[in-house]
Structures are given as structure tokens and as C-alpha cells.
Amino acid sequence: MFNLKPPEFIKKFSDAHPKIYGFLSDIVFSLSVVFVIALALFLYSGVWPPMVSVNGMSMYPDLQNGDLVFIQGLDRGTVQTYDNSTSTGYNTFNELGNVIIYDPFGDPSRPLVIHRAIAWVNAGQPMWQGGPAAPSSGYMTLGDNNHGVYDQMATNICYLQPVKPQWIVGIARFEIPYLGYLDFIRTAV
């Protein structure tokens, strides 16, 4: 049914230049393995790149500087907030709720942020007890090591603006320590 024999020119080349043919075969095989792994990661995550590197200590001790975090897009799951998880016990990275990765103010030129989704607020609701009304619906977010200061409070991350779902790059699923130090991976603070 299938002709699995290599074309004649490849056979002639491999006979004439066995070392070069072996080297090229190794390169093709290696690239094929990398492609299959990249495809599997994309199919799992639904986003590209399917991972980010942690750059900073705002999620310490649960995520640390240099951790490689694998993510999934919102089409692969829904964000569970800290507040919603208090009744279900759902937790990730040793705390209630999901850790999300997002572009602050939806601006992809700014560094990504990797913080925990604490609560959902609707437009017009107070963003925190005694706080200002939310200008739009979205998530209140907080680094695990930020001592209760929401990203929307006194920081330049997303000041007075809940994180809109369209700003979310993905939901953090698992991490591998130290691999985030590789230079080719997009970082999140």
C-alpha cells in the first residue's frame, strides 16, 4: 500500500556520504521530536507559548523566581477564585483558587503578571470593602506574598481596574523549579 523505501537519490547520497547523511538524519529526528512535544503542549494548553517563567517573589513561597509554569487557556477551564473556593476547598499551588497569568490593562507590551484570582466583581460594585466602585467587571488579583495588597489597590500593575477575562493569557496548572531561567521563555512577574 505505502512505498516506505527512500527515493533513489537519498539512497545514493547516504551511500556516498554516510557521515553527512547520519548527521542530517539526527537533525531531522531531533526536530521531529521537538515538533511533537511542542504540538502536544499546544494541544494541552490551547495557548502559545504554553508556559511562562516566574520573575519575582510576589508568589513566594508557592511559586518562586525561576520556576517554569505550564498554563492552559480559558477555553480549557474556568477561573476558580479564592472566594468561590472557600466553600469547595479547591486549591492550586497550596492556596485556594487559581493562579492566572494576565496582561496588565490588556497591554501585551507590559510584563505578564502571575497572581491569584481572589474575587470576581461586577461593574459598579466596590472592588474591596470600603473601596471604589469597579469601572468594569473582572477579577481582583493578589500575589501570595503581597501581604493583602490587591493588584488594584496601591500598585502600578492594574491600579483601580479589575482584570478583564480577555486580558487573561492562561491559568497556571503546574510548575517545574529552575527551568524558568532559560532565556527563551516569556516571563511573568
C-alpha atoms as a PDB file:
ATOM      1  CA  MET A   1       0.000   0.000   0.000  1.00  0.00           C
ATOM      2  CA  PHE A   2       2.702   2.504   1.022  1.00  0.00           C
ATOM      3  CA  ASN A   3       6.152   2.666  -0.505  1.00  0.00           C
ATOM      4  CA  LEU A   4       8.402   3.065   2.538  1.00  0.00           C
ATOM      5  CA  LYS A   5      11.628   2.862   0.566  1.00  0.00           C
ATOM      6  CA  PRO A   6      13.518   6.158   0.401  1.00  0.00           C
ATOM      7  CA  PRO A   7      13.777   7.766  -3.018  1.00  0.00           C
ATOM      8  CA  GLU A   8      16.785   6.654  -5.041  1.00  0.00           C
ATOM      9  CA  PHE A   9      18.645   9.982  -4.701  1.00  0.00           C
ATOM     10  CA  ILE A  10      18.542   9.675  -0.891  1.00  0.00           C
ATOM     11  CA  LYS A  11      19.918   6.132  -1.097  1.00  0.00           C
ATOM     12  CA  LYS A  12      22.741   7.305  -3.383  1.00  0.00           C
ATOM     13  CA  PHE A  13      23.522  10.241  -1.083  1.00  0.00           C
ATOM     14  CA  SER A  14      23.570   8.054   2.038  1.00  0.00           C
ATOM     15  CA  ASP A  15      25.902   5.552   0.350  1.00  0.00           C
ATOM     16  CA  ALA A  16      28.230   8.293  -0.887  1.00  0.00           C
ATOM     17  CA  HIS A  17      28.233  10.422   2.304  1.00  0.00           C
ATOM     18  CA  PRO A  18      27.302   8.220   5.284  1.00  0.00           C
ATOM     19  CA  LYS A  19      28.556  10.659   7.962  1.00  0.00           C
ATOM     20  CA  ILE A  20      26.722  13.650   6.486  1.00  0.00           C
ATOM     21  CA  TYR A  21      23.596  11.538   5.993  1.00  0.00           C
ATOM     22  CA  GLY A  22      23.790  10.345   9.615  1.00  0.00           C
ATOM     23  CA  PHE A  23      24.201  13.914  10.852  1.00  0.00           C
ATOM     24  CA  LEU A  24      21.242  15.156   8.785  1.00  0.00           C
ATOM     25  CA  SER A  25      19.151  12.187   9.940  1.00  0.00           C
ATOM     26  CA  ASP A  26      19.892  13.094  13.574  1.00  0.00           C
ATOM     27  CA  ILE A  27      18.862  16.709  12.970  1.00  0.00           C
ATOM     28  CA  VAL A  28      15.604  15.703  11.271  1.00  0.00           C
ATOM     29  CA  PHE A  29      14.825  13.243  14.072  1.00  0.00           C
ATOM     30  CA  SER A  30      15.575  15.848  16.786  1.00  0.00           C
ATOM     31  CA  LEU A  31      13.435  18.487  15.088  1.00  0.00           C
ATOM     32  CA  SER A  32      10.619  15.947  14.740  1.00  0.00           C
ATOM     33  CA  VAL A  33      10.750  15.176  18.471  1.00  0.00           C
ATOM     34  CA  VAL A  34      10.727  18.890  19.341  1.00  0.00           C
ATOM     35  CA  PHE A  35       7.775  19.437  16.979  1.00  0.00           C
ATOM     36  CA  VAL A  36       5.780  16.563  18.532  1.00  0.00           C
ATOM     37  CA  ILE A  37       6.456  17.856  22.065  1.00  0.00           C
ATOM     38  CA  ALA A  38       5.518  21.431  21.070  1.00  0.00           C
ATOM     39  CA  LEU A  39       2.337  20.185  19.390  1.00  0.00           C
ATOM     40  CA  ALA A  40       1.395  18.123  22.471  1.00  0.00           C
ATOM     41  CA  LEU A  41       1.963  21.136  24.744  1.00  0.00           C
ATOM     42  CA  PHE A  42      -0.148  23.354  22.493  1.00  0.00           C
ATOM     43  CA  LEU A  43      -2.957  20.785  22.354  1.00  0.00           C
ATOM     44  CA  TYR A  44      -2.893  20.544  26.157  1.00  0.00           C
ATOM     45  CA  SER A  45      -2.743  24.269  26.820  1.00  0.00           C
ATOM     46  CA  GLY A  46      -4.593  25.855  23.916  1.00  0.00           C
ATOM     47  CA  VAL A  47      -2.211  28.838  24.072  1.00  0.00           C
ATOM     48  CA  TRP A  48       1.222  29.642  22.695  1.00  0.00           C
ATOM     49  CA  PRO A  49       3.622  29.747  24.364  1.00  0.00           C
ATOM     50  CA  PRO A  50       2.223  27.118  26.757  1.00  0.00           C
ATOM     51  CA  MET A  51       4.497  28.181  29.611  1.00  0.00           C
ATOM     52  CA  VAL A  52       5.881  31.229  31.384  1.00  0.00           C
ATOM     53  CA  SER A  53       8.832  31.822  33.661  1.00  0.00           C
ATOM     54  CA  VAL A  54       8.306  33.360  37.100  1.00  0.00           C
ATOM     55  CA  ASN A  55      10.375  36.508  37.534  1.00  0.00           C
ATOM     56  CA  GLY A  56       9.991  37.857  41.049  1.00  0.00           C
ATOM     57  CA  MET A  57       8.942  36.892  44.537  1.00  0.00           C
ATOM     58  CA  SER A  58       5.317  38.076  44.659  1.00  0.00           C
ATOM     59  CA  MET A  59       4.033  34.470  44.669  1.00  0.00           C
ATOM     60  CA  TYR A  60       6.611  33.167  47.182  1.00  0.00           C
ATOM     61  CA  PRO A  61       6.725  30.529  48.639  1.00  0.00           C
ATOM     62  CA  ASP A  62       4.292  28.725  46.334  1.00  0.00           C
ATOM     63  CA  LEU A  63       5.919  29.926  43.109  1.00  0.00           C
ATOM     64  CA  GLN A  64       9.492  31.131  43.119  1.00  0.00           C
ATOM     65  CA  ASN A  65      11.770  33.136  40.892  1.00  0.00           C
ATOM     66  CA  GLY A  66      12.919  30.872  38.052  1.00  0.00           C
ATOM     67  CA  ASP A  67      10.005  28.416  38.172  1.00  0.00           C
ATOM     68  CA  LEU A  68       8.662  27.306  34.800  1.00  0.00           C
ATOM     69  CA  VAL A  69       4.847  27.384  34.899  1.00  0.00           C
ATOM     70  CA  PHE A  70       2.689  25.500  32.398  1.00  0.00           C
ATOM     71  CA  ILE A  71      -0.585  27.204  31.581  1.00  0.00           C
ATOM     72  CA  GLN A  72      -3.936  26.458  29.961  1.00  0.00           C
ATOM     73  CA  GLY A  73      -6.141  28.909  28.107  1.00  0.00           C
ATOM     74  CA  LEU A  74      -9.572  29.919  29.359  1.00  0.00           C
ATOM     75  CA  ASP A  75     -11.142  27.680  26.722  1.00  0.00           C
ATOM     76  CA  ARG A  76      -9.695  24.691  28.650  1.00  0.00           C
ATOM     77  CA  GLY A  77     -11.117  25.632  32.050  1.00  0.00           C
ATOM     78  CA  THR A  78     -12.744  28.329  34.120  1.00  0.00           C
ATOM     79  CA  VAL A  79     -11.081  30.524  36.701  1.00  0.00           C
ATOM     80  CA  GLN A  80     -11.869  29.482  40.262  1.00  0.00           C
ATOM     81  CA  THR A  81     -11.471  32.465  42.584  1.00  0.00           C
ATOM     82  CA  TYR A  82     -10.217  32.309  46.141  1.00  0.00           C
ATOM     83  CA  ASP A  83     -13.635  33.444  47.391  1.00  0.00           C
ATOM     84  CA  ASN A  84     -15.513  30.719  45.473  1.00  0.00           C
ATOM     85  CA  SER A  85     -13.004  28.078  46.561  1.00  0.00           C
ATOM     86  CA  THR A  86     -13.579  28.668  50.279  1.00  0.00           C
ATOM     87  CA  SER A  87     -16.755  26.580  50.036  1.00  0.00           C
ATOM     88  CA  THR A  88     -15.357  23.891  47.707  1.00  0.00           C
ATOM     89  CA  GLY A  89     -11.806  23.619  49.039  1.00  0.00           C
ATOM     90  CA  TYR A  90     -10.381  23.843  45.508  1.00  0.00           C
ATOM     91  CA  ASN A  91      -6.750  24.901  45.652  1.00  0.00           C
ATOM     92  CA  THR A  92      -3.711  25.270  43.447  1.00  0.00           C
ATOM     93  CA  PHE A  93      -0.144  25.977  44.471  1.00  0.00           C
ATOM     94  CA  ASN A  94      -1.003  25.457  48.182  1.00  0.00           C
ATOM     95  CA  GLU A  95      -3.707  28.149  48.352  1.00  0.00           C
ATOM     96  CA  LEU A  96      -7.400  28.405  47.482  1.00  0.00           C
ATOM     97  CA  GLY A  97      -8.345  29.380  43.934  1.00  0.00           C
ATOM     98  CA  ASN A  98      -6.494  29.607  40.636  1.00  0.00           C
ATOM     99  CA  VAL A  99      -3.347  31.463  39.754  1.00  0.00           C
ATOM    100  CA  ILE A 100      -3.820  33.366  36.497  1.00  0.00           C
ATOM    101  CA  ILE A 101      -1.398  34.939  34.046  1.00  0.00           C
ATOM    102  CA  TYR A 102      -2.549  38.213  32.500  1.00  0.00           C
ATOM    103  CA  ASP A 103      -1.509  41.308  30.583  1.00  0.00           C
ATOM    104  CA  PRO A 104      -1.944  44.332  32.907  1.00  0.00           C
ATOM    105  CA  PHE A 105      -4.609  46.646  31.481  1.00  0.00           C
ATOM    106  CA  GLY A 106      -4.684  44.287  28.485  1.00  0.00           C
ATOM    107  CA  ASP A 107      -1.358  45.707  27.281  1.00  0.00           C
ATOM    108  CA  PRO A 108       0.846  42.922  25.839  1.00  0.00           C
ATOM    109  CA  SER A 109       3.879  45.247  25.805  1.00  0.00           C
ATOM    110  CA  ARG A 110       3.913  45.222  29.623  1.00  0.00           C
ATOM    111  CA  PRO A 111       5.364  42.298  31.593  1.00  0.00           C
ATOM    112  CA  LEU A 112       2.902  39.493  32.256  1.00  0.00           C
ATOM    113  CA  VAL A 113       1.602  39.160  35.816  1.00  0.00           C
ATOM    114  CA  ILE A 114       1.149  35.804  37.546  1.00  0.00           C
ATOM    115  CA  HIS A 115      -1.118  36.281  40.590  1.00  0.00           C
ATOM    116  CA  ARG A 116      -4.035  34.557  42.288  1.00  0.00           C
ATOM    117  CA  ALA A 117      -7.634  35.369  41.304  1.00  0.00           C
ATOM    118  CA  ILE A 118      -9.223  36.411  44.595  1.00  0.00           C
ATOM    119  CA  ALA A 119     -12.731  37.521  43.680  1.00  0.00           C
ATOM    120  CA  TRP A 120     -14.969  38.459  40.783  1.00  0.00           C
ATOM    121  CA  VAL A 121     -16.536  41.921  40.902  1.00  0.00           C
ATOM    122  CA  ASN A 122     -19.209  43.313  38.642  1.00  0.00           C
ATOM    123  CA  ALA A 123     -19.020  46.839  37.260  1.00  0.00           C
ATOM    124  CA  GLY A 124     -20.241  49.324  39.874  1.00  0.00           C
ATOM    125  CA  GLN A 125     -19.569  47.030  42.859  1.00  0.00           C
ATOM    126  CA  PRO A 126     -16.921  48.015  45.405  1.00  0.00           C
ATOM    127  CA  MET A 127     -13.627  46.374  44.450  1.00  0.00           C
ATOM    128  CA  TRP A 128     -12.898  45.684  48.148  1.00  0.00           C
ATOM    129  CA  GLN A 129     -14.685  46.511  51.372  1.00  0.00           C
ATOM    130  CA  GLY A 130     -14.877  50.298  51.530  1.00  0.00           C
ATOM    131  CA  GLY A 131     -13.089  50.573  48.178  1.00  0.00           C
ATOM    132  CA  PRO A 132     -14.083  52.392  44.990  1.00  0.00           C
ATOM    133  CA  ALA A 133     -16.600  51.035  42.513  1.00  0.00           C
ATOM    134  CA  ALA A 134     -15.226  48.802  39.805  1.00  0.00           C
ATOM    135  CA  PRO A 135     -15.225  50.569  36.415  1.00  0.00           C
ATOM    136  CA  SER A 136     -15.814  47.208  34.719  1.00  0.00           C
ATOM    137  CA  SER A 137     -16.395  43.581  35.633  1.00  0.00           C
ATOM    138  CA  GLY A 138     -13.350  41.428  36.271  1.00  0.00           C
ATOM    139  CA  TYR A 139     -11.099  39.633  38.726  1.00  0.00           C
ATOM    140  CA  MET A 140      -9.445  41.091  41.784  1.00  0.00           C
ATOM    141  CA  THR A 141      -5.928  39.668  41.913  1.00  0.00           C
ATOM    142  CA  LEU A 142      -3.238  39.347  44.540  1.00  0.00           C
ATOM    143  CA  GLY A 143       0.276  37.934  44.793  1.00  0.00           C
ATOM    144  CA  ASP A 144       0.536  35.326  47.574  1.00  0.00           C
ATOM    145  CA  ASN A 145       3.474  37.292  49.046  1.00  0.00           C
ATOM    146  CA  ASN A 146       1.921  40.770  48.710  1.00  0.00           C
ATOM    147  CA  HIS A 147       0.528  40.983  52.259  1.00  0.00           C
ATOM    148  CA  GLY A 148      -3.110  41.516  51.268  1.00  0.00           C
ATOM    149  CA  VAL A 149      -2.488  44.395  48.836  1.00  0.00           C
ATOM    150  CA  TYR A 150      -4.542  43.719  45.720  1.00  0.00           C
ATOM    151  CA  ASP A 151      -3.031  44.499  42.343  1.00  0.00           C
ATOM    152  CA  GLN A 152      -5.875  47.004  42.022  1.00  0.00           C
ATOM    153  CA  MET A 153      -5.064  48.899  45.246  1.00  0.00           C
ATOM    154  CA  ALA A 154      -1.718  50.588  45.574  1.00  0.00           C
ATOM    155  CA  THR A 155       0.333  49.051  42.782  1.00  0.00           C
ATOM    156  CA  ASN A 156       1.090  50.038  39.214  1.00  0.00           C
ATOM    157  CA  ILE A 157       0.059  46.591  37.974  1.00  0.00           C
ATOM    158  CA  CYS A 158      -3.667  47.135  37.420  1.00  0.00           C
ATOM    159  CA  TYR A 159      -4.464  50.150  39.574  1.00  0.00           C
ATOM    160  CA  LEU A 160      -8.206  50.581  40.171  1.00  0.00           C
ATOM    161  CA  GLN A 161      -9.071  48.177  37.344  1.00  0.00           C
ATOM    162  CA  PRO A 162     -10.213  44.556  37.759  1.00  0.00           C
ATOM    163  CA  VAL A 163      -8.587  42.063  35.392  1.00  0.00           C
ATOM    164  CA  LYS A 164     -10.935  41.549  32.450  1.00  0.00           C
ATOM    165  CA  PRO A 165     -11.238  37.966  31.152  1.00  0.00           C
ATOM    166  CA  GLN A 166      -9.916  38.992  27.721  1.00  0.00           C
ATOM    167  CA  TRP A 167      -6.646  40.099  29.371  1.00  0.00           C
ATOM    168  CA  ILE A 168      -6.013  36.623  30.781  1.00  0.00           C
ATOM    169  CA  VAL A 169      -3.371  34.630  28.927  1.00  0.00           C
ATOM    170  CA  GLY A 170      -3.997  31.458  30.901  1.00  0.00           C
ATOM    171  CA  ILE A 171      -4.488  29.589  34.144  1.00  0.00           C
ATOM    172  CA  ALA A 172      -1.367  28.223  35.870  1.00  0.00           C
ATOM    173  CA  ARG A 173      -1.555  24.412  36.133  1.00  0.00           C
ATOM    174  CA  PHE A 174       1.821  23.125  37.334  1.00  0.00           C
ATOM    175  CA  GLU A 175       5.394  24.249  37.728  1.00  0.00           C
ATOM    176  CA  ILE A 176       8.902  22.901  37.328  1.00  0.00           C
ATOM    177  CA  PRO A 177      11.507  24.610  39.526  1.00  0.00           C
ATOM    178  CA  TYR A 178      14.539  26.318  37.944  1.00  0.00           C
ATOM    179  CA  LEU A 179      13.664  25.639  34.293  1.00  0.00           C
ATOM    180  CA  GLY A 180      12.284  29.158  34.033  1.00  0.00           C
ATOM    181  CA  TYR A 181      15.823  30.509  33.999  1.00  0.00           C
ATOM    182  CA  LEU A 182      16.063  29.555  30.313  1.00  0.00           C
ATOM    183  CA  ASP A 183      16.214  32.764  28.294  1.00  0.00           C
ATOM    184  CA  PHE A 184      13.761  31.898  25.508  1.00  0.00           C
ATOM    185  CA  ILE A 185      10.681  31.670  27.728  1.00  0.00           C
ATOM    186  CA  ARG A 186       8.288  34.609  28.266  1.00  0.00           C
ATOM    187  CA  THR A 187       8.419  35.833  31.867  1.00  0.00           C
ATOM    188  CA  ALA A 188       5.705  36.865  34.300  1.00  0.00           C
ATOM    189  CA  VAL A 189       6.189  38.989  37.410  1.00  0.00           C
END
